[in-house]
Amino acid sequence: QVQLVESGGGLVQAGGSLRLSCAASGGTFSSYAMGWFRQAPGKERELVARISRLGTYYVDSVKGRFTISRDNAKNTVYLQMNSLKPEDTAVYYCNARIPATNRDYWGQGTQVTVSS
């Protein structure tokens, strides 16, 4: 059973920065595809960024502003968010996809609020 624990959310002014962290336990972290999703009230959950052995992916709206990275020695994935905009306001969720089982695991979510 994979457990994901997120931290780093908060309130920031437009143009500011935050770094989200997600610590994983319960498996072989280096084999996981790790992603960050977000969901705003009344909207669908969307994939923001993903990192795997094949590389990285970013949704167009965050390209050039967000960076996903991972530290396999610490079993942790990060999302560095710069130049934040009010439209980035959402609950951000850490996701792990396990290749052996094709299952998705989710963190509890962390609130990011960007004020104008």
PDB file of N, CA and C in Angstrom:
ATOM      1  N   GLN A   1       0.844  -1.179   0.000  1.00  0.00           N
ATOM      2  CA  GLN A   1       0.000   0.000   0.000  1.00  0.00           C
ATOM      3  C   GLN A   1       0.889   1.242   0.000  1.00  0.00           C
ATOM      4  N   VAL A   2       0.680   2.102  -0.986  1.00  0.00           N
ATOM      5  CA  VAL A   2       1.455   3.326  -1.110  1.00  0.00           C
ATOM      6  C   VAL A   2       0.767   4.439  -0.339  1.00  0.00           C
ATOM      7  N   GLN A   3       1.549   5.141   0.479  1.00  0.00           N
ATOM      8  CA  GLN A   3       1.045   6.277   1.231  1.00  0.00           C
ATOM      9  C   GLN A   3       1.737   7.544   0.748  1.00  0.00           C
ATOM     10  N   LEU A   4       0.971   8.600   0.537  1.00  0.00           N
ATOM     11  CA  LEU A   4       1.489   9.873   0.053  1.00  0.00           C
ATOM     12  C   LEU A   4       1.105  10.968   1.036  1.00  0.00           C
ATOM     13  N   VAL A   5       2.083  11.761   1.443  1.00  0.00           N
ATOM     14  CA  VAL A   5       1.861  12.852   2.384  1.00  0.00           C
ATOM     15  C   VAL A   5       2.365  14.141   1.771  1.00  0.00           C
ATOM     16  N   GLU A   6       1.462  15.115   1.612  1.00  0.00           N
ATOM     17  CA  GLU A   6       1.780  16.376   0.964  1.00  0.00           C
ATOM     18  C   GLU A   6       1.998  17.484   1.990  1.00  0.00           C
ATOM     19  N   SER A   7       2.766  18.487   1.577  1.00  0.00           N
ATOM     20  CA  SER A   7       2.972  19.671   2.386  1.00  0.00           C
ATOM     21  C   SER A   7       3.376  20.824   1.479  1.00  0.00           C
ATOM     22  N   GLY A   8       3.326  22.047   2.007  1.00  0.00           N
ATOM     23  CA  GLY A   8       3.838  23.201   1.299  1.00  0.00           C
ATOM     24  C   GLY A   8       2.808  24.167   0.764  1.00  0.00           C
ATOM     25  N   GLY A   9       1.531  23.825   0.849  1.00  0.00           N
ATOM     26  CA  GLY A   9       0.507  24.739   0.377  1.00  0.00           C
ATOM     27  C   GLY A   9       0.369  25.939   1.288  1.00  0.00           C
ATOM     28  N   GLY A  10      -0.368  26.933   0.814  1.00  0.00           N
ATOM     29  CA  GLY A  10      -0.575  28.124   1.613  1.00  0.00           C
ATOM     30  C   GLY A  10      -1.143  29.256   0.802  1.00  0.00           C
ATOM     31  N   LEU A  11      -1.094  30.443   1.391  1.00  0.00           N
ATOM     32  CA  LEU A  11      -1.593  31.669   0.781  1.00  0.00           C
ATOM     33  C   LEU A  11      -0.417  32.501   0.300  1.00  0.00           C
ATOM     34  N   VAL A  12      -0.487  32.936  -0.953  1.00  0.00           N
ATOM     35  CA  VAL A  12       0.590  33.725  -1.532  1.00  0.00           C
ATOM     36  C   VAL A  12      -0.005  34.778  -2.455  1.00  0.00           C
ATOM     37  N   GLN A  13       0.674  35.903  -2.587  1.00  0.00           N
ATOM     38  CA  GLN A  13       0.237  36.944  -3.504  1.00  0.00           C
ATOM     39  C   GLN A  13       0.608  36.597  -4.937  1.00  0.00           C
ATOM     40  N   ALA A  14      -0.155  37.135  -5.875  1.00  0.00           N
ATOM     41  CA  ALA A  14       0.161  36.936  -7.290  1.00  0.00           C
ATOM     42  C   ALA A  14       1.602  37.335  -7.571  1.00  0.00           C
ATOM     43  N   GLY A  15       2.283  36.499  -8.340  1.00  0.00           N
ATOM     44  CA  GLY A  15       3.685  36.720  -8.635  1.00  0.00           C
ATOM     45  C   GLY A  15       4.631  36.018  -7.685  1.00  0.00           C
ATOM     46  N   GLY A  16       4.118  35.489  -6.600  1.00  0.00           N
ATOM     47  CA  GLY A  16       4.935  34.813  -5.619  1.00  0.00           C
ATOM     48  C   GLY A  16       5.197  33.363  -5.972  1.00  0.00           C
ATOM     49  N   SER A  17       5.854  32.654  -5.042  1.00  0.00           N
ATOM     50  CA  SER A  17       6.268  31.279  -5.271  1.00  0.00           C
ATOM     51  C   SER A  17       5.917  30.395  -4.085  1.00  0.00           C
ATOM     52  N   LEU A  18       5.699  29.120  -4.374  1.00  0.00           N
ATOM     53  CA  LEU A  18       5.528  28.083  -3.376  1.00  0.00           C
ATOM     54  C   LEU A  18       6.184  26.816  -3.887  1.00  0.00           C
ATOM     55  N   ARG A  19       6.625  25.966  -2.962  1.00  0.00           N
ATOM     56  CA  ARG A  19       7.118  24.648  -3.323  1.00  0.00           C
ATOM     57  C   ARG A  19       6.329  23.593  -2.570  1.00  0.00           C
ATOM     58  N   LEU A  20       5.658  22.732  -3.323  1.00  0.00           N
ATOM     59  CA  LEU A  20       4.919  21.623  -2.751  1.00  0.00           C
ATOM     60  C   LEU A  20       5.810  20.393  -2.676  1.00  0.00           C
ATOM     61  N   SER A  21       5.639  19.606  -1.616  1.00  0.00           N
ATOM     62  CA  SER A  21       6.384  18.373  -1.433  1.00  0.00           C
ATOM     63  C   SER A  21       5.416  17.226  -1.221  1.00  0.00           C
ATOM     64  N   CYS A  22       5.797  16.047  -1.679  1.00  0.00           N
ATOM     65  CA  CYS A  22       5.008  14.840  -1.493  1.00  0.00           C
ATOM     66  C   CYS A  22       5.954  13.705  -1.165  1.00  0.00           C
ATOM     67  N   ALA A  23       5.848  13.186   0.055  1.00  0.00           N
ATOM     68  CA  ALA A  23       6.679  12.083   0.514  1.00  0.00           C
ATOM     69  C   ALA A  23       5.912  10.773   0.378  1.00  0.00           C
ATOM     70  N   ALA A  24       6.549   9.788  -0.237  1.00  0.00           N
ATOM     71  CA  ALA A  24       5.918   8.498  -0.497  1.00  0.00           C
ATOM     72  C   ALA A  24       6.551   7.399   0.338  1.00  0.00           C
ATOM     73  N   SER A  25       5.743   6.405   0.666  1.00  0.00           N
ATOM     74  CA  SER A  25       6.235   5.222   1.360  1.00  0.00           C
ATOM     75  C   SER A  25       5.454   4.008   0.887  1.00  0.00           C
ATOM     76  N   GLY A  26       6.020   2.822   1.090  1.00  0.00           N
ATOM     77  CA  GLY A  26       5.296   1.589   0.818  1.00  0.00           C
ATOM     78  C   GLY A  26       5.590   0.895  -0.498  1.00  0.00           C
ATOM     79  N   GLY A  27       6.688   1.243  -1.155  1.00  0.00           N
ATOM     80  CA  GLY A  27       7.014   0.588  -2.408  1.00  0.00           C
ATOM     81  C   GLY A  27       8.344   1.023  -2.976  1.00  0.00           C
ATOM     82  N   THR A  28       8.518   0.765  -4.256  1.00  0.00           N
ATOM     83  CA  THR A  28       9.739   1.130  -4.955  1.00  0.00           C
ATOM     84  C   THR A  28       9.514   2.470  -5.640  1.00  0.00           C
ATOM     85  N   PHE A  29       9.872   3.536  -4.946  1.00  0.00           N
ATOM     86  CA  PHE A  29       9.540   4.879  -5.397  1.00  0.00           C
ATOM     87  C   PHE A  29      10.104   5.182  -6.780  1.00  0.00           C
ATOM     88  N   SER A  30      11.328   4.734  -7.042  1.00  0.00           N
ATOM     89  CA  SER A  30      11.982   5.074  -8.295  1.00  0.00           C
ATOM     90  C   SER A  30      11.233   4.538  -9.513  1.00  0.00           C
ATOM     91  N   SER A  31      10.384   3.548  -9.330  1.00  0.00           N
ATOM     92  CA  SER A  31       9.629   2.980 -10.437  1.00  0.00           C
ATOM     93  C   SER A  31       8.299   3.682 -10.675  1.00  0.00           C
ATOM     94  N   TYR A  32       7.896   4.556  -9.763  1.00  0.00           N
ATOM     95  CA  TYR A  32       6.595   5.210  -9.881  1.00  0.00           C
ATOM     96  C   TYR A  32       6.641   6.357 -10.872  1.00  0.00           C
ATOM     97  N   ALA A  33       5.571   6.528 -11.622  1.00  0.00           N
ATOM     98  CA  ALA A  33       5.318   7.782 -12.305  1.00  0.00           C
ATOM     99  C   ALA A  33       4.597   8.696 -11.320  1.00  0.00           C
ATOM    100  N   MET A  34       5.157   9.868 -11.073  1.00  0.00           N
ATOM    101  CA  MET A  34       4.614  10.785 -10.083  1.00  0.00           C
ATOM    102  C   MET A  34       4.021  12.007 -10.765  1.00  0.00           C
ATOM    103  N   GLY A  35       2.883  12.451 -10.257  1.00  0.00           N
ATOM    104  CA  GLY A  35       2.223  13.602 -10.846  1.00  0.00           C
ATOM    105  C   GLY A  35       1.598  14.506  -9.812  1.00  0.00           C
ATOM    106  N   TRP A  36       1.330  15.728 -10.245  1.00  0.00           N
ATOM    107  CA  TRP A  36       0.571  16.690  -9.459  1.00  0.00           C
ATOM    108  C   TRP A  36      -0.688  17.046 -10.230  1.00  0.00           C
ATOM    109  N   PHE A  37      -1.823  16.926  -9.570  1.00  0.00           N
ATOM    110  CA  PHE A  37      -3.110  17.335 -10.097  1.00  0.00           C
ATOM    111  C   PHE A  37      -3.633  18.497  -9.264  1.00  0.00           C
ATOM    112  N   ARG A  38      -4.599  19.220  -9.807  1.00  0.00           N
ATOM    113  CA  ARG A  38      -5.251  20.262  -9.029  1.00  0.00           C
ATOM    114  C   ARG A  38      -6.738  20.299  -9.367  1.00  0.00           C
ATOM    115  N   GLN A  39      -7.518  20.775  -8.403  1.00  0.00           N
ATOM    116  CA  GLN A  39      -8.950  20.878  -8.583  1.00  0.00           C
ATOM    117  C   GLN A  39      -9.456  22.126  -7.876  1.00  0.00           C
ATOM    118  N   ALA A  40     -10.085  23.004  -8.641  1.00  0.00           N
ATOM    119  CA  ALA A  40     -10.726  24.186  -8.105  1.00  0.00           C
ATOM    120  C   ALA A  40     -12.212  23.902  -7.917  1.00  0.00           C
ATOM    121  N   PRO A  41     -12.883  24.624  -7.021  1.00  0.00           N
ATOM    122  CA  PRO A  41     -14.316  24.401  -6.810  1.00  0.00           C
ATOM    123  C   PRO A  41     -15.113  24.510  -8.101  1.00  0.00           C
ATOM    124  N   GLY A  42     -15.966  23.516  -8.352  1.00  0.00           N
ATOM    125  CA  GLY A  42     -16.794  23.512  -9.536  1.00  0.00           C
ATOM    126  C   GLY A  42     -16.099  23.111 -10.812  1.00  0.00           C
ATOM    127  N   LYS A  43     -14.824  22.726 -10.731  1.00  0.00           N
ATOM    128  CA  LYS A  43     -14.076  22.338 -11.911  1.00  0.00           C
ATOM    129  C   LYS A  43     -13.569  20.906 -11.779  1.00  0.00           C
ATOM    130  N   GLU A  44     -13.243  20.306 -12.914  1.00  0.00           N
ATOM    131  CA  GLU A  44     -12.700  18.960 -12.924  1.00  0.00           C
ATOM    132  C   GLU A  44     -11.250  18.961 -12.470  1.00  0.00           C
ATOM    133  N   ARG A  45     -10.835  17.850 -11.895  1.00  0.00           N
ATOM    134  CA  ARG A  45      -9.438  17.681 -11.537  1.00  0.00           C
ATOM    135  C   ARG A  45      -8.606  17.582 -12.812  1.00  0.00           C
ATOM    136  N   GLU A  46      -7.509  18.328 -12.873  1.00  0.00           N
ATOM    137  CA  GLU A  46      -6.669  18.322 -14.059  1.00  0.00           C
ATOM    138  C   GLU A  46      -5.225  17.976 -13.702  1.00  0.00           C
ATOM    139  N   LEU A  47      -4.566  17.310 -14.629  1.00  0.00           N
ATOM    140  CA  LEU A  47      -3.150  17.005 -14.480  1.00  0.00           C
ATOM    141  C   LEU A  47      -2.343  18.269 -14.727  1.00  0.00           C
ATOM    142  N   VAL A  48      -1.505  18.633 -13.766  1.00  0.00           N
ATOM    143  CA  VAL A  48      -0.660  19.814 -13.866  1.00  0.00           C
ATOM    144  C   VAL A  48       0.730  19.456 -14.370  1.00  0.00           C
ATOM    145  N   ALA A  49       1.327  18.429 -13.789  1.00  0.00           N
ATOM    146  CA  ALA A  49       2.679  18.018 -14.152  1.00  0.00           C
ATOM    147  C   ALA A  49       2.883  16.556 -13.800  1.00  0.00           C
ATOM    148  N   ARG A  50       3.755  15.899 -14.557  1.00  0.00           N
ATOM    149  CA  ARG A  50       4.080  14.501 -14.305  1.00  0.00           C
ATOM    150  C   ARG A  50       5.546  14.261 -14.596  1.00  0.00           C
ATOM    151  N   ILE A  51       6.164  13.373 -13.825  1.00  0.00           N
ATOM    152  CA  ILE A  51       7.547  12.996 -14.055  1.00  0.00           C
ATOM    153  C   ILE A  51       7.661  11.484 -13.971  1.00  0.00           C
ATOM    154  N   SER A  52       8.310  10.899 -14.966  1.00  0.00           N
ATOM    155  CA  SER A  52       8.524   9.463 -15.028  1.00  0.00           C
ATOM    156  C   SER A  52       9.871   9.209 -15.677  1.00  0.00           C
ATOM    157  N   ARG A  53      10.174   7.929 -15.889  1.00  0.00           N
ATOM    158  CA  ARG A  53      11.424   7.591 -16.561  1.00  0.00           C
ATOM    159  C   ARG A  53      11.467   8.109 -17.988  1.00  0.00           C
ATOM    160  N   LEU A  54      10.314   8.417 -18.561  1.00  0.00           N
ATOM    161  CA  LEU A  54      10.254   8.903 -19.932  1.00  0.00           C
ATOM    162  C   LEU A  54      10.415  10.409 -20.045  1.00  0.00           C
ATOM    163  N   GLY A  55      10.393  11.123 -18.913  1.00  0.00           N
ATOM    164  CA  GLY A  55      10.548  12.554 -18.951  1.00  0.00           C
ATOM    165  C   GLY A  55       9.490  13.271 -18.141  1.00  0.00           C
ATOM    166  N   THR A  56       9.218  14.517 -18.512  1.00  0.00           N
ATOM    167  CA  THR A  56       8.256  15.339 -17.788  1.00  0.00           C
ATOM    168  C   THR A  56       7.176  15.852 -18.715  1.00  0.00           C
ATOM    169  N   TYR A  57       6.052  16.187 -18.113  1.00  0.00           N
ATOM    170  CA  TYR A  57       4.917  16.766 -18.818  1.00  0.00           C
ATOM    171  C   TYR A  57       4.369  17.917 -17.988  1.00  0.00           C
ATOM    172  N   TYR A  58       3.935  18.988 -18.675  1.00  0.00           N
ATOM    173  CA  TYR A  58       3.276  20.112 -18.032  1.00  0.00           C
ATOM    174  C   TYR A  58       2.062  20.518 -18.847  1.00  0.00           C
ATOM    175  N   VAL A  59       0.980  20.846 -18.158  1.00  0.00           N
ATOM    176  CA  VAL A  59      -0.150  21.425 -18.848  1.00  0.00           C
ATOM    177  C   VAL A  59       0.253  22.819 -19.351  1.00  0.00           C
ATOM    178  N   ASP A  60      -0.298  23.225 -20.488  1.00  0.00           N
ATOM    179  CA  ASP A  60       0.149  24.456 -21.132  1.00  0.00           C
ATOM    180  C   ASP A  60       0.081  25.671 -20.204  1.00  0.00           C
ATOM    181  N   SER A  61      -0.913  25.726 -19.349  1.00  0.00           N
ATOM    182  CA  SER A  61      -1.131  26.899 -18.521  1.00  0.00           C
ATOM    183  C   SER A  61      -0.032  27.137 -17.484  1.00  0.00           C
ATOM    184  N   VAL A  62       0.808  26.133 -17.207  1.00  0.00           N
ATOM    185  CA  VAL A  62       1.866  26.292 -16.207  1.00  0.00           C
ATOM    186  C   VAL A  62       3.263  26.195 -16.796  1.00  0.00           C
ATOM    187  N   LYS A  63       3.383  25.942 -18.078  1.00  0.00           N
ATOM    188  CA  LYS A  63       4.696  25.826 -18.702  1.00  0.00           C
ATOM    189  C   LYS A  63       5.494  27.115 -18.519  1.00  0.00           C
ATOM    190  N   GLY A  64       6.744  26.957 -18.127  1.00  0.00           N
ATOM    191  CA  GLY A  64       7.607  28.094 -17.889  1.00  0.00           C
ATOM    192  C   GLY A  64       7.507  28.664 -16.493  1.00  0.00           C
ATOM    193  N   ARG A  65       6.510  28.237 -15.717  1.00  0.00           N
ATOM    194  CA  ARG A  65       6.321  28.735 -14.358  1.00  0.00           C
ATOM    195  C   ARG A  65       6.501  27.653 -13.297  1.00  0.00           C
ATOM    196  N   PHE A  66       6.072  26.415 -13.605  1.00  0.00           N
ATOM    197  CA  PHE A  66       6.141  25.316 -12.650  1.00  0.00           C
ATOM    198  C   PHE A  66       7.220  24.332 -13.069  1.00  0.00           C
ATOM    199  N   THR A  67       7.849  23.701 -12.088  1.00  0.00           N
ATOM    200  CA  THR A  67       8.849  22.671 -12.344  1.00  0.00           C
ATOM    201  C   THR A  67       8.607  21.492 -11.418  1.00  0.00           C
ATOM    202  N   ILE A  68       8.467  20.302 -11.994  1.00  0.00           N
ATOM    203  CA  ILE A  68       8.343  19.088 -11.200  1.00  0.00           C
ATOM    204  C   ILE A  68       9.704  18.414 -11.120  1.00  0.00           C
ATOM    205  N   SER A  69      10.034  17.884  -9.957  1.00  0.00           N
ATOM    206  CA  SER A  69      11.297  17.193  -9.758  1.00  0.00           C
ATOM    207  C   SER A  69      11.107  16.097  -8.720  1.00  0.00           C
ATOM    208  N   ARG A  70      12.080  15.215  -8.613  1.00  0.00           N
ATOM    209  CA  ARG A  70      11.988  14.145  -7.629  1.00  0.00           C
ATOM    210  C   ARG A  70      13.356  13.848  -7.053  1.00  0.00           C
ATOM    211  N   ASP A  71      13.361  13.396  -5.811  1.00  0.00           N
ATOM    212  CA  ASP A  71      14.567  12.955  -5.124  1.00  0.00           C
ATOM    213  C   ASP A  71      14.296  11.521  -4.695  1.00  0.00           C
ATOM    214  N   ASN A  72      14.804  10.568  -5.460  1.00  0.00           N
ATOM    215  CA  ASN A  72      14.515   9.165  -5.173  1.00  0.00           C
ATOM    216  C   ASN A  72      15.121   8.701  -3.853  1.00  0.00           C
ATOM    217  N   ALA A  73      16.230   9.305  -3.432  1.00  0.00           N
ATOM    218  CA  ALA A  73      16.834   8.952  -2.153  1.00  0.00           C
ATOM    219  C   ALA A  73      15.934   9.329  -0.983  1.00  0.00           C
ATOM    220  N   LYS A  74      15.116  10.359  -1.162  1.00  0.00           N
ATOM    221  CA  LYS A  74      14.188  10.806  -0.126  1.00  0.00           C
ATOM    222  C   LYS A  74      12.754  10.363  -0.382  1.00  0.00           C
ATOM    223  N   ASN A  75      12.522   9.624  -1.456  1.00  0.00           N
ATOM    224  CA  ASN A  75      11.172   9.182  -1.829  1.00  0.00           C
ATOM    225  C   ASN A  75      10.205  10.360  -1.882  1.00  0.00           C
ATOM    226  N   THR A  76      10.643  11.445  -2.494  1.00  0.00           N
ATOM    227  CA  THR A  76       9.871  12.683  -2.484  1.00  0.00           C
ATOM    228  C   THR A  76       9.815  13.295  -3.876  1.00  0.00           C
ATOM    229  N   VAL A  77       8.637  13.816  -4.223  1.00  0.00           N
ATOM    230  CA  VAL A  77       8.459  14.577  -5.445  1.00  0.00           C
ATOM    231  C   VAL A  77       8.081  16.002  -5.068  1.00  0.00           C
ATOM    232  N   TYR A  78       8.531  16.968  -5.865  1.00  0.00           N
ATOM    233  CA  TYR A  78       8.312  18.374  -5.591  1.00  0.00           C
ATOM    234  C   TYR A  78       7.619  19.048  -6.761  1.00  0.00           C
ATOM    235  N   LEU A  79       6.913  20.120  -6.464  1.00  0.00           N
ATOM    236  CA  LEU A  79       6.391  21.006  -7.490  1.00  0.00           C
ATOM    237  C   LEU A  79       6.770  22.428  -7.107  1.00  0.00           C
ATOM    238  N   GLN A  80       7.735  22.990  -7.814  1.00  0.00           N
ATOM    239  CA  GLN A  80       8.130  24.377  -7.620  1.00  0.00           C
ATOM    240  C   GLN A  80       7.216  25.250  -8.466  1.00  0.00           C
ATOM    241  N   MET A  81       6.506  26.159  -7.831  1.00  0.00           N
ATOM    242  CA  MET A  81       5.541  27.010  -8.504  1.00  0.00           C
ATOM    243  C   MET A  81       5.997  28.454  -8.387  1.00  0.00           C
ATOM    244  N   ASN A  82       6.339  29.058  -9.509  1.00  0.00           N
ATOM    245  CA  ASN A  82       6.771  30.445  -9.568  1.00  0.00           C
ATOM    246  C   ASN A  82       5.764  31.275 -10.353  1.00  0.00           C
ATOM    247  N   SER A  83       5.851  32.580 -10.193  1.00  0.00           N
ATOM    248  CA  SER A  83       4.973  33.511 -10.912  1.00  0.00           C
ATOM    249  C   SER A  83       3.516  33.098 -10.799  1.00  0.00           C
ATOM    250  N   LEU A  84       3.096  32.818  -9.588  1.00  0.00           N
ATOM    251  CA  LEU A  84       1.746  32.305  -9.366  1.00  0.00           C
ATOM    252  C   LEU A  84       0.685  33.329  -9.744  1.00  0.00           C
ATOM    253  N   LYS A  85      -0.414  32.810 -10.270  1.00  0.00           N
ATOM    254  CA  LYS A  85      -1.546  33.612 -10.707  1.00  0.00           C
ATOM    255  C   LYS A  85      -2.790  33.216  -9.921  1.00  0.00           C
ATOM    256  N   PRO A  86      -3.770  34.112  -9.798  1.00  0.00           N
ATOM    257  CA  PRO A  86      -5.003  33.744  -9.096  1.00  0.00           C
ATOM    258  C   PRO A  86      -5.665  32.492  -9.659  1.00  0.00           C
ATOM    259  N   GLU A  87      -5.567  32.262 -10.957  1.00  0.00           N
ATOM    260  CA  GLU A  87      -6.169  31.083 -11.549  1.00  0.00           C
ATOM    261  C   GLU A  87      -5.466  29.784 -11.175  1.00  0.00           C
ATOM    262  N   ASP A  88      -4.320  29.867 -10.496  1.00  0.00           N
ATOM    263  CA  ASP A  88      -3.663  28.682  -9.964  1.00  0.00           C
ATOM    264  C   ASP A  88      -4.282  28.224  -8.649  1.00  0.00           C
ATOM    265  N   THR A  89      -5.183  29.008  -8.089  1.00  0.00           N
ATOM    266  CA  THR A  89      -5.820  28.654  -6.829  1.00  0.00           C
ATOM    267  C   THR A  89      -6.593  27.352  -6.975  1.00  0.00           C
ATOM    268  N   ALA A  90      -6.285  26.381  -6.115  1.00  0.00           N
ATOM    269  CA  ALA A  90      -6.905  25.067  -6.185  1.00  0.00           C
ATOM    270  C   ALA A  90      -6.371  24.214  -5.043  1.00  0.00           C
ATOM    271  N   VAL A  91      -6.979  23.049  -4.864  1.00  0.00           N
ATOM    272  CA  VAL A  91      -6.393  22.011  -4.035  1.00  0.00           C
ATOM    273  C   VAL A  91      -5.485  21.185  -4.926  1.00  0.00           C
ATOM    274  N   TYR A  92      -4.245  21.022  -4.513  1.00  0.00           N
ATOM    275  CA  TYR A  92      -3.256  20.290  -5.287  1.00  0.00           C
ATOM    276  C   TYR A  92      -3.062  18.905  -4.674  1.00  0.00           C
ATOM    277  N   TYR A  93      -3.114  17.883  -5.536  1.00  0.00           N
ATOM    278  CA  TYR A  93      -3.032  16.497  -5.106  1.00  0.00           C
ATOM    279  C   TYR A  93      -1.807  15.816  -5.708  1.00  0.00           C
ATOM    280  N   CYS A  94      -1.085  15.098  -4.883  1.00  0.00           N
ATOM    281  CA  CYS A  94       0.006  14.248  -5.342  1.00  0.00           C
ATOM    282  C   CYS A  94      -0.555  12.920  -5.816  1.00  0.00           C
ATOM    283  N   ASN A  95       0.003  12.401  -6.897  1.00  0.00           N
ATOM    284  CA  ASN A  95      -0.442  11.142  -7.481  1.00  0.00           C
ATOM    285  C   ASN A  95       0.744  10.240  -7.770  1.00  0.00           C
ATOM    286  N   ALA A  96       0.582   8.956  -7.485  1.00  0.00           N
ATOM    287  CA  ALA A  96       1.565   7.946  -7.855  1.00  0.00           C
ATOM    288  C   ALA A  96       0.886   6.875  -8.683  1.00  0.00           C
ATOM    289  N   ARG A  97       1.468   6.565  -9.827  1.00  0.00           N
ATOM    290  CA  ARG A  97       0.981   5.461 -10.654  1.00  0.00           C
ATOM    291  C   ARG A  97       1.989   4.331 -10.579  1.00  0.00           C
ATOM    292  N   ILE A  98       1.505   3.147 -10.176  1.00  0.00           N
ATOM    293  CA  ILE A  98       2.367   1.996  -9.962  1.00  0.00           C
ATOM    294  C   ILE A  98       2.310   1.115 -11.198  1.00  0.00           C
ATOM    295  N   PRO A  99       3.416   0.994 -11.946  1.00  0.00           N
ATOM    296  CA  PRO A  99       3.366   0.207 -13.191  1.00  0.00           C
ATOM    297  C   PRO A  99       2.963  -1.245 -13.003  1.00  0.00           C
ATOM    298  N   ALA A 100       3.417  -1.889 -11.928  1.00  0.00           N
ATOM    299  CA  ALA A 100       3.166  -3.309 -11.735  1.00  0.00           C
ATOM    300  C   ALA A 100       1.685  -3.623 -11.600  1.00  0.00           C
ATOM    301  N   THR A 101       0.912  -2.684 -11.055  1.00  0.00           N
ATOM    302  CA  THR A 101      -0.506  -2.910 -10.809  1.00  0.00           C
ATOM    303  C   THR A 101      -1.409  -1.986 -11.606  1.00  0.00           C
ATOM    304  N   ASN A 102      -0.842  -0.986 -12.247  1.00  0.00           N
ATOM    305  CA  ASN A 102      -1.594   0.037 -12.976  1.00  0.00           C
ATOM    306  C   ASN A 102      -2.606   0.737 -12.073  1.00  0.00           C
ATOM    307  N   ARG A 103      -2.248   0.875 -10.815  1.00  0.00           N
ATOM    308  CA  ARG A 103      -3.114   1.552  -9.857  1.00  0.00           C
ATOM    309  C   ARG A 103      -2.614   2.962  -9.571  1.00  0.00           C
ATOM    310  N   ASP A 104      -3.554   3.846  -9.262  1.00  0.00           N
ATOM    311  CA  ASP A 104      -3.250   5.208  -8.855  1.00  0.00           C
ATOM    312  C   ASP A 104      -3.463   5.373  -7.353  1.00  0.00           C
ATOM    313  N   TYR A 105      -2.534   6.077  -6.705  1.00  0.00           N
ATOM    314  CA  TYR A 105      -2.640   6.425  -5.301  1.00  0.00           C
ATOM    315  C   TYR A 105      -2.589   7.939  -5.179  1.00  0.00           C
ATOM    316  N   TRP A 106      -3.292   8.464  -4.168  1.00  0.00           N
ATOM    317  CA  TRP A 106      -3.467   9.901  -4.034  1.00  0.00           C
ATOM    318  C   TRP A 106      -3.106  10.389  -2.643  1.00  0.00           C
ATOM    319  N   GLY A 107      -2.531  11.580  -2.603  1.00  0.00           N
ATOM    320  CA  GLY A 107      -2.345  12.268  -1.349  1.00  0.00           C
ATOM    321  C   GLY A 107      -3.646  12.913  -0.899  1.00  0.00           C
ATOM    322  N   GLN A 108      -3.601  13.533   0.271  1.00  0.00           N
ATOM    323  CA  GLN A 108      -4.804  14.115   0.859  1.00  0.00           C
ATOM    324  C   GLN A 108      -5.163  15.469   0.257  1.00  0.00           C
ATOM    325  N   GLY A 109      -4.244  16.078  -0.442  1.00  0.00           N
ATOM    326  CA  GLY A 109      -4.447  17.386  -1.026  1.00  0.00           C
ATOM    327  C   GLY A 109      -3.938  18.501  -0.131  1.00  0.00           C
ATOM    328  N   THR A 110      -3.445  19.561  -0.753  1.00  0.00           N
ATOM    329  CA  THR A 110      -3.004  20.741  -0.027  1.00  0.00           C
ATOM    330  C   THR A 110      -3.507  21.981  -0.752  1.00  0.00           C
ATOM    331  N   GLN A 111      -4.047  22.924   0.007  1.00  0.00           N
ATOM    332  CA  GLN A 111      -4.674  24.112  -0.570  1.00  0.00           C
ATOM    333  C   GLN A 111      -3.619  25.133  -0.970  1.00  0.00           C
ATOM    334  N   VAL A 112      -3.733  25.622  -2.200  1.00  0.00           N
ATOM    335  CA  VAL A 112      -2.929  26.735  -2.685  1.00  0.00           C
ATOM    336  C   VAL A 112      -3.882  27.864  -3.042  1.00  0.00           C
ATOM    337  N   THR A 113      -3.693  29.015  -2.418  1.00  0.00           N
ATOM    338  CA  THR A 113      -4.527  30.179  -2.681  1.00  0.00           C
ATOM    339  C   THR A 113      -3.640  31.336  -3.103  1.00  0.00           C
ATOM    340  N   VAL A 114      -3.927  31.894  -4.273  1.00  0.00           N
ATOM    341  CA  VAL A 114      -3.160  33.009  -4.817  1.00  0.00           C
ATOM    342  C   VAL A 114      -4.070  34.223  -4.856  1.00  0.00           C
ATOM    343  N   SER A 115      -3.700  35.253  -4.132  1.00  0.00           N
ATOM    344  CA  SER A 115      -4.497  36.467  -4.063  1.00  0.00           C
ATOM    345  C   SER A 115      -4.004  37.494  -5.066  1.00  0.00           C
ATOM    346  N   SER A 116      -4.918  38.328  -5.544  1.00  0.00           N
ATOM    347  CA  SER A 116      -4.573  39.374  -6.490  1.00  0.00           C
ATOM    348  C   SER A 116      -4.357  40.714  -5.814  1.00  0.00           C
TER     349      SER A 116
END
